[in-house]
Amino acid sequence: SSEFKNSIYTLKYKQADISTSTNTAYGYSVDKDGYMGSDFNKAAGLPEDFKIHKSTLDEIERRAENNSYTSDIKKYLGIDKYYTNIDMAETIKQYYNQFNQIINHAFNDTNKTSFTEADINSMPKGISELSSDKTIGIMPKNYDKLTITNYYNTQEQYNEAEQLGMFGHINIGLQSLNFTPQSMQTQNLDKDTAIDTFNPDMSVYPQNEDGSYSKEALFMSFLKSTGVSPREGSATLNPIAKSYAEAMTKESFDGSLTSLDDIMTGKVDFASLLKGYAQEGWLDADIYAMEKGVAWQNTSIGYGGAWFDREFNQVKANGWKASNQSIDSYVNSIMDRLNNLIGQTRV
């Protein structure tokens, strides 16, 4: 009804009477409007009056358990559950702590609860999150192990980080952030996209009466950017899925020469490393692409990638080799761009 505007404001100040609520979900109480009770908030490290709707947790579970990858694996292994348990409070806790760091970076205030469109547009477009633990695990690393090392406040900085990661074979630990008013709406998706997309019902996180957005809605936008997969310490894999995942990770290597944090701390002399690989001919394709001014998208993706491979293999066959001069200018160009970007974005 119109007089009860169902805004987050009214929800917060309408005392949800937990004692009369017998509904539970994921081991916690649910109020009569479908929001998780204070016992959940406490376990998840959320502010007392924060409102997370049960339907959001259902959508986290659906995407984790039934995305196209886990569905295929379950079929292949003949199991009906990929996760034996997802601890929703721990999952939300990890993501909320990471989200709060970004809020603190953007506004120097983790208690801010309403956000204007201008606030939202001023937020970072991406971050680098890296860990001293370089192993590849069977689940995304626990956020406790990850440090935000760089904030990309503009789309240009984010794109540059992405390009340098590709051209320089650096693990940038890049996470894009799509804080936009559009990201705080429920999406209409076709079936193939929907299965892999975290797409919570956003009608349960309405705008405030003054048209600003709630912290809950902004948190949903963050969860959408990350895809909110269960992380280490927040879920248990089916034992059969677990041994399969362990066998797969043994074989995997992320293909990078080093990571951004090791370059920034000076643990790795990246210029020498890059030069060494270039002199051994490992980076010929990148050097050729840079010489010709080909954007990395066109070297690696789809039709453009096939075109580039053909042209590059042709010049290789005709005896093209990266000259010492082109190796030097490649290394210098990467290092200049990298140092410039690090200077602008480093925490």
Protein backbone atom coordinates (compact mmCIF):
# COMPACT_ATOMS: atom_id res chain seq x y z
CA SER A 1 0.00 0.00 0.00
CA SER A 2 1.17 3.51 -0.68
CA GLU A 3 1.08 4.82 2.88
CA PHE A 4 3.51 2.09 3.94
CA LYS A 5 6.34 2.92 1.59
CA ASN A 6 8.23 -0.26 2.47
CA SER A 7 11.46 1.70 2.39
CA ILE A 8 14.54 0.38 4.13
CA TYR A 9 13.98 3.28 6.51
CA THR A 10 10.55 2.04 7.62
CA LEU A 11 11.80 -1.53 7.75
CA LYS A 12 14.68 -0.57 9.98
CA TYR A 13 12.53 1.32 12.43
CA LYS A 14 9.62 -1.11 12.41
CA GLN A 15 10.98 -3.29 15.18
CA ALA A 16 11.10 -6.78 13.67
CA ASP A 17 9.76 -8.97 16.44
CA ILE A 18 12.07 -11.94 16.27
CA SER A 19 10.53 -13.68 19.27
CA THR A 20 7.25 -14.20 17.39
CA SER A 21 9.02 -15.39 14.24
CA THR A 22 9.29 -19.13 13.92
CA ASN A 23 10.69 -19.06 10.39
CA THR A 24 14.29 -20.08 10.02
CA ALA A 25 16.69 -20.41 7.11
CA TYR A 26 20.34 -21.50 6.97
CA GLY A 27 20.20 -22.01 10.74
CA TYR A 28 19.05 -18.46 11.58
CA SER A 29 15.76 -16.70 12.22
CA VAL A 30 13.84 -14.91 9.47
CA ASP A 31 11.37 -12.09 10.22
CA LYS A 32 7.87 -11.98 8.79
CA ASP A 33 8.99 -9.78 5.87
CA GLY A 34 11.59 -12.35 4.87
CA TYR A 35 14.69 -10.55 6.19
CA MET A 36 17.31 -12.41 8.20
CA GLY A 37 17.13 -11.92 11.96
CA SER A 38 19.59 -10.27 14.33
CA ASP A 39 21.16 -13.66 15.14
CA PHE A 40 22.25 -13.88 11.49
CA ASN A 41 23.56 -10.31 11.49
CA LYS A 42 25.59 -11.01 14.60
CA ALA A 43 27.15 -14.15 13.11
CA ALA A 44 27.84 -12.38 9.80
CA GLY A 45 29.39 -9.32 11.44
CA LEU A 46 26.73 -7.00 10.00
CA PRO A 47 25.37 -3.87 11.70
CA GLU A 48 22.40 -4.73 13.91
CA ASP A 49 19.84 -2.96 11.71
CA PHE A 50 21.25 -4.21 8.38
CA LYS A 51 18.61 -5.98 6.29
CA ILE A 52 19.60 -8.98 4.19
CA HIS A 53 16.71 -10.80 2.59
CA LYS A 54 16.50 -14.58 2.67
CA SER A 55 15.90 -14.59 -1.12
CA THR A 56 19.41 -13.14 -1.56
CA LEU A 57 20.95 -16.09 0.29
CA ASP A 58 18.83 -18.49 -1.80
CA GLU A 59 20.28 -16.87 -4.93
CA ILE A 60 23.86 -17.20 -3.59
CA GLU A 61 23.19 -20.89 -3.00
CA ARG A 62 21.55 -21.37 -6.40
CA ARG A 63 24.43 -19.80 -8.29
CA ALA A 64 27.05 -21.70 -6.27
CA GLU A 65 25.36 -25.06 -6.57
CA ASN A 66 23.75 -24.87 -10.02
CA ASN A 67 25.89 -22.70 -12.30
CA SER A 68 26.92 -24.20 -15.64
CA TYR A 69 30.34 -25.32 -14.31
CA THR A 70 29.11 -27.03 -11.12
CA SER A 71 26.14 -28.55 -13.00
CA ASP A 72 28.51 -30.11 -15.55
CA ILE A 73 30.88 -31.36 -12.84
CA LYS A 74 28.00 -32.90 -10.86
CA LYS A 75 26.78 -34.70 -13.96
CA TYR A 76 30.32 -35.87 -14.78
CA LEU A 77 30.99 -37.12 -11.24
CA GLY A 78 27.48 -38.52 -10.70
CA ILE A 79 26.79 -36.50 -7.54
CA ASP A 80 23.74 -34.42 -6.71
CA LYS A 81 25.38 -31.77 -4.51
CA TYR A 82 28.64 -29.94 -5.23
CA TYR A 83 28.77 -28.37 -1.75
CA THR A 84 27.77 -30.39 1.30
CA ASN A 85 27.43 -27.11 3.18
CA ILE A 86 27.62 -23.37 2.52
CA ASP A 87 27.95 -21.35 5.72
CA MET A 88 25.92 -18.29 4.71
CA ALA A 89 26.91 -16.17 7.71
CA GLU A 90 30.62 -16.77 7.07
CA THR A 91 30.18 -16.18 3.32
CA ILE A 92 28.41 -12.85 3.88
CA LYS A 93 30.93 -11.91 6.58
CA GLN A 94 33.89 -12.30 4.23
CA TYR A 95 32.28 -10.30 1.42
CA TYR A 96 30.94 -7.62 3.74
CA ASN A 97 34.37 -7.00 5.30
CA GLN A 98 35.90 -6.59 1.85
CA PHE A 99 33.04 -4.30 0.77
CA ASN A 100 33.46 -2.18 3.90
CA GLN A 101 37.13 -1.58 3.10
CA ILE A 102 36.08 -0.18 -0.27
CA ILE A 103 33.42 2.02 1.36
CA ASN A 104 36.04 3.26 3.81
CA HIS A 105 38.46 4.03 0.96
CA ALA A 106 35.79 5.93 -0.98
CA PHE A 107 34.13 7.86 1.86
CA ASN A 108 36.35 7.52 4.97
CA ASP A 109 33.20 6.42 6.76
CA THR A 110 32.04 2.83 7.19
CA ASN A 111 28.87 4.01 8.98
CA LYS A 112 27.52 5.81 5.92
CA THR A 113 24.10 4.30 5.13
CA SER A 114 22.77 6.33 2.21
CA PHE A 115 24.43 6.98 -1.12
CA THR A 116 23.50 9.48 -3.82
CA GLU A 117 24.04 8.84 -7.50
CA ALA A 118 27.07 11.16 -7.37
CA ASP A 119 28.47 9.13 -4.44
CA ILE A 120 28.05 5.93 -6.41
CA ASN A 121 29.67 7.29 -9.58
CA SER A 122 32.69 8.43 -7.55
CA MET A 123 33.45 4.91 -6.34
CA PRO A 124 36.41 2.84 -7.62
CA LYS A 125 35.99 0.96 -10.90
CA GLY A 126 38.16 -1.89 -9.69
CA ILE A 127 40.76 -3.13 -7.22
CA SER A 128 43.74 -5.45 -7.09
CA GLU A 129 43.51 -7.98 -4.28
CA LEU A 130 46.55 -10.15 -3.75
CA SER A 131 47.92 -12.62 -1.25
CA SER A 132 51.38 -13.60 -0.08
CA ASP A 133 50.07 -17.16 -0.43
CA LYS A 134 50.61 -17.81 -4.14
CA THR A 135 49.18 -21.33 -4.21
CA ILE A 136 46.11 -22.06 -6.32
CA GLY A 137 43.39 -23.53 -4.10
CA ILE A 138 40.19 -25.43 -4.81
CA MET A 139 38.11 -22.38 -3.84
CA PRO A 140 38.72 -18.63 -4.06
CA LYS A 141 41.03 -17.55 -1.24
CA ASN A 142 39.56 -16.51 2.08
CA TYR A 143 39.37 -12.69 2.06
CA ASP A 144 41.38 -12.69 5.30
CA LYS A 145 44.36 -13.77 3.19
CA LEU A 146 43.85 -11.08 0.55
CA THR A 147 45.01 -7.49 0.74
CA ILE A 148 43.66 -4.70 -1.44
CA THR A 149 46.90 -3.35 -2.90
CA ASN A 150 45.55 -0.92 -5.52
CA TYR A 151 42.36 1.04 -6.17
CA TYR A 152 41.50 1.91 -9.78
CA ASN A 153 39.40 5.04 -9.38
CA THR A 154 38.84 5.58 -13.09
CA GLN A 155 37.88 3.26 -15.91
CA GLU A 156 41.13 4.25 -17.70
CA GLN A 157 43.24 3.05 -14.77
CA TYR A 158 41.31 -0.20 -14.64
CA ASN A 159 41.73 -0.80 -18.39
CA GLU A 160 45.44 -0.03 -18.13
CA ALA A 161 45.84 -2.57 -15.30
CA GLU A 162 44.04 -5.16 -17.40
CA GLN A 163 46.24 -4.48 -20.45
CA LEU A 164 49.49 -4.55 -18.47
CA GLY A 165 48.42 -7.82 -16.88
CA MET A 166 47.96 -9.27 -20.37
CA PHE A 167 51.01 -7.78 -22.10
CA GLY A 168 53.35 -8.17 -19.13
CA HIS A 169 52.02 -11.57 -17.98
CA ILE A 170 51.49 -10.18 -14.48
CA ASN A 171 48.97 -11.56 -12.00
CA ILE A 172 47.19 -8.30 -11.19
CA GLY A 173 44.54 -9.87 -8.89
CA LEU A 174 42.02 -7.69 -10.68
CA GLN A 175 38.42 -7.40 -9.48
CA SER A 176 36.14 -5.09 -11.43
CA LEU A 177 33.56 -3.08 -9.47
CA ASN A 178 30.39 -2.03 -11.20
CA PHE A 179 28.88 0.45 -8.73
CA THR A 180 26.11 2.01 -10.84
CA PRO A 181 22.41 2.71 -10.34
CA GLN A 182 21.75 0.04 -13.01
CA SER A 183 23.61 -2.55 -10.92
CA MET A 184 21.06 -1.99 -8.14
CA GLN A 185 18.18 -3.27 -10.25
CA THR A 186 17.12 -6.85 -10.91
CA GLN A 187 18.32 -7.86 -14.38
CA ASN A 188 16.24 -9.47 -17.11
CA LEU A 189 18.47 -12.24 -18.40
CA ASP A 190 18.16 -15.01 -20.94
CA LYS A 191 18.38 -18.56 -19.61
CA ASP A 192 22.03 -19.19 -20.56
CA THR A 193 23.25 -15.99 -18.91
CA ALA A 194 20.97 -16.37 -15.88
CA ILE A 195 22.43 -19.71 -14.81
CA ASP A 196 25.88 -18.17 -14.25
CA THR A 197 24.82 -14.75 -12.98
CA PHE A 198 24.16 -13.76 -9.37
CA ASN A 199 20.93 -11.81 -9.89
CA PRO A 200 19.12 -11.22 -6.58
CA ASP A 201 15.62 -9.77 -6.37
CA MET A 202 16.38 -6.08 -5.76
CA SER A 203 12.80 -5.07 -4.95
CA VAL A 204 13.56 -6.07 -1.33
CA TYR A 205 16.24 -3.31 -1.21
CA PRO A 206 14.19 -0.26 -2.20
CA GLN A 207 15.60 3.24 -2.60
CA ASN A 208 15.32 5.60 0.35
CA GLU A 209 12.52 8.16 0.30
CA ASP A 210 14.91 10.90 -0.85
CA GLY A 211 15.91 8.78 -3.86
CA SER A 212 19.30 7.80 -2.44
CA TYR A 213 20.43 4.17 -2.29
CA SER A 214 20.83 2.12 0.87
CA LYS A 215 24.04 0.44 1.97
CA GLU A 216 22.24 -2.87 1.49
CA ALA A 217 21.60 -2.10 -2.19
CA LEU A 218 25.23 -1.05 -2.65
CA PHE A 219 26.40 -4.27 -0.99
CA MET A 220 24.28 -6.21 -3.50
CA SER A 221 26.02 -4.32 -6.30
CA PHE A 222 29.38 -5.44 -4.85
CA LEU A 223 28.18 -9.03 -4.61
CA LYS A 224 27.08 -8.88 -8.25
CA SER A 225 30.53 -7.63 -9.30
CA THR A 226 32.26 -10.50 -7.50
CA GLY A 227 29.72 -13.21 -8.36
CA VAL A 228 29.79 -14.08 -4.63
CA SER A 229 31.24 -17.61 -4.87
CA PRO A 230 31.74 -19.43 -1.56
CA ARG A 231 35.33 -18.89 -0.42
CA GLU A 232 37.82 -20.91 1.63
CA GLY A 233 36.50 -21.35 5.15
CA SER A 234 32.89 -20.60 4.19
CA ALA A 235 31.85 -23.83 2.49
CA THR A 236 32.55 -27.56 2.40
CA LEU A 237 32.79 -29.40 -0.89
CA ASN A 238 31.27 -32.81 -1.47
CA PRO A 239 34.25 -35.20 -0.87
CA ILE A 240 34.05 -36.49 -4.47
CA ALA A 241 33.97 -32.95 -5.89
CA LYS A 242 36.81 -32.03 -3.55
CA SER A 243 39.20 -34.73 -4.74
CA TYR A 244 38.34 -33.87 -8.35
CA ALA A 245 39.05 -30.16 -7.69
CA GLU A 246 42.35 -31.03 -5.98
CA ALA A 247 43.44 -33.13 -8.95
CA MET A 248 42.61 -30.22 -11.29
CA THR A 249 44.47 -27.57 -9.26
CA LYS A 250 47.62 -29.71 -9.21
CA GLU A 251 47.72 -29.29 -12.98
CA SER A 252 46.89 -25.61 -13.08
CA PHE A 253 49.23 -22.67 -13.42
CA ASP A 254 47.93 -19.16 -13.89
CA GLY A 255 50.44 -18.43 -16.64
CA SER A 256 51.87 -15.28 -15.08
CA LEU A 257 55.56 -14.48 -14.59
CA THR A 258 54.98 -12.70 -11.29
CA SER A 259 52.36 -10.77 -9.36
CA LEU A 260 51.79 -7.06 -8.92
CA ASP A 261 52.45 -7.08 -5.16
CA ASP A 262 55.87 -8.72 -5.64
CA ILE A 263 56.77 -6.04 -8.18
CA MET A 264 55.65 -3.23 -5.86
CA THR A 265 57.54 -4.56 -2.84
CA GLY A 266 60.67 -5.04 -4.98
CA LYS A 267 60.70 -8.76 -4.26
CA VAL A 268 61.00 -9.25 -8.01
CA ASP A 269 63.15 -7.21 -10.39
CA PHE A 270 60.49 -7.26 -13.04
CA ALA A 271 62.38 -5.36 -15.73
CA SER A 272 65.18 -7.98 -15.72
CA LEU A 273 62.72 -10.84 -15.55
CA LEU A 274 60.73 -9.50 -18.49
CA LYS A 275 63.86 -8.84 -20.50
CA GLY A 276 65.12 -12.38 -19.88
CA TYR A 277 61.89 -13.92 -21.10
CA ALA A 278 61.81 -11.58 -24.09
CA GLN A 279 65.37 -12.50 -25.08
CA GLU A 280 64.44 -16.19 -24.99
CA GLY A 281 61.65 -15.47 -27.47
CA TRP A 282 58.75 -16.18 -25.10
CA LEU A 283 57.21 -12.74 -25.58
CA ASP A 284 57.61 -12.37 -29.35
CA ALA A 285 53.86 -12.20 -29.98
CA ASP A 286 53.44 -9.41 -27.42
CA ILE A 287 56.39 -7.45 -28.78
CA TYR A 288 55.11 -7.81 -32.33
CA ALA A 289 51.61 -6.72 -31.28
CA MET A 290 52.98 -3.70 -29.43
CA GLU A 291 55.22 -2.74 -32.36
CA LYS A 292 52.22 -2.90 -34.68
CA GLY A 293 49.98 -1.08 -32.19
CA VAL A 294 47.51 -3.95 -31.95
CA ALA A 295 45.27 -3.71 -28.89
CA TRP A 296 45.54 -6.83 -26.72
CA GLN A 297 41.83 -7.57 -27.20
CA ASN A 298 42.60 -8.21 -30.87
CA THR A 299 45.51 -10.53 -30.12
CA SER A 300 43.61 -12.86 -27.86
CA ILE A 301 39.89 -12.83 -28.50
CA GLY A 302 37.71 -14.44 -31.13
CA TYR A 303 37.99 -13.48 -34.79
CA GLY A 304 40.64 -10.83 -34.11
CA GLY A 305 42.74 -13.40 -32.27
CA ALA A 306 42.66 -15.82 -35.19
CA TRP A 307 43.61 -13.02 -37.58
CA PHE A 308 46.51 -11.96 -35.36
CA ASP A 309 47.79 -15.54 -34.95
CA ARG A 310 47.82 -16.04 -38.70
CA GLU A 311 49.67 -12.82 -39.39
CA PHE A 312 52.14 -13.39 -36.56
CA ASN A 313 52.88 -17.00 -37.57
CA GLN A 314 53.44 -15.79 -41.12
CA VAL A 315 56.05 -13.16 -40.14
CA LYS A 316 57.69 -15.67 -37.77
CA ALA A 317 57.94 -18.14 -40.66
CA ASN A 318 59.53 -15.38 -42.75
CA GLY A 319 62.26 -15.05 -40.13
CA TRP A 320 60.98 -12.17 -37.97
CA LYS A 321 62.73 -11.96 -34.61
CA ALA A 322 62.40 -9.36 -31.91
CA SER A 323 65.48 -7.14 -32.20
CA ASN A 324 67.38 -6.06 -29.09
CA GLN A 325 66.06 -2.59 -29.73
CA SER A 326 62.43 -3.73 -29.87
CA ILE A 327 62.94 -5.85 -26.73
CA ASP A 328 64.33 -2.82 -24.89
CA SER A 329 61.54 -0.55 -26.01
CA TYR A 330 58.94 -3.20 -25.09
CA VAL A 331 60.39 -3.64 -21.58
CA ASN A 332 60.78 0.13 -21.09
CA SER A 333 57.25 0.80 -22.26
CA ILE A 334 55.77 -1.82 -19.92
CA MET A 335 57.87 -0.55 -16.98
CA ASP A 336 56.98 3.12 -17.61
CA ARG A 337 53.29 2.36 -17.83
CA LEU A 338 53.45 0.07 -14.81
CA ASN A 339 55.30 2.57 -12.61
CA ASN A 340 52.92 5.30 -13.66
CA LEU A 341 49.87 3.17 -12.83
CA ILE A 342 51.32 1.98 -9.52
CA GLY A 343 52.03 5.60 -8.58
CA GLN A 344 48.39 6.53 -9.15
CA THR A 345 46.68 3.50 -7.62
CA ARG A 346 48.86 2.01 -4.91
CA VAL A 347 47.33 1.87 -1.43
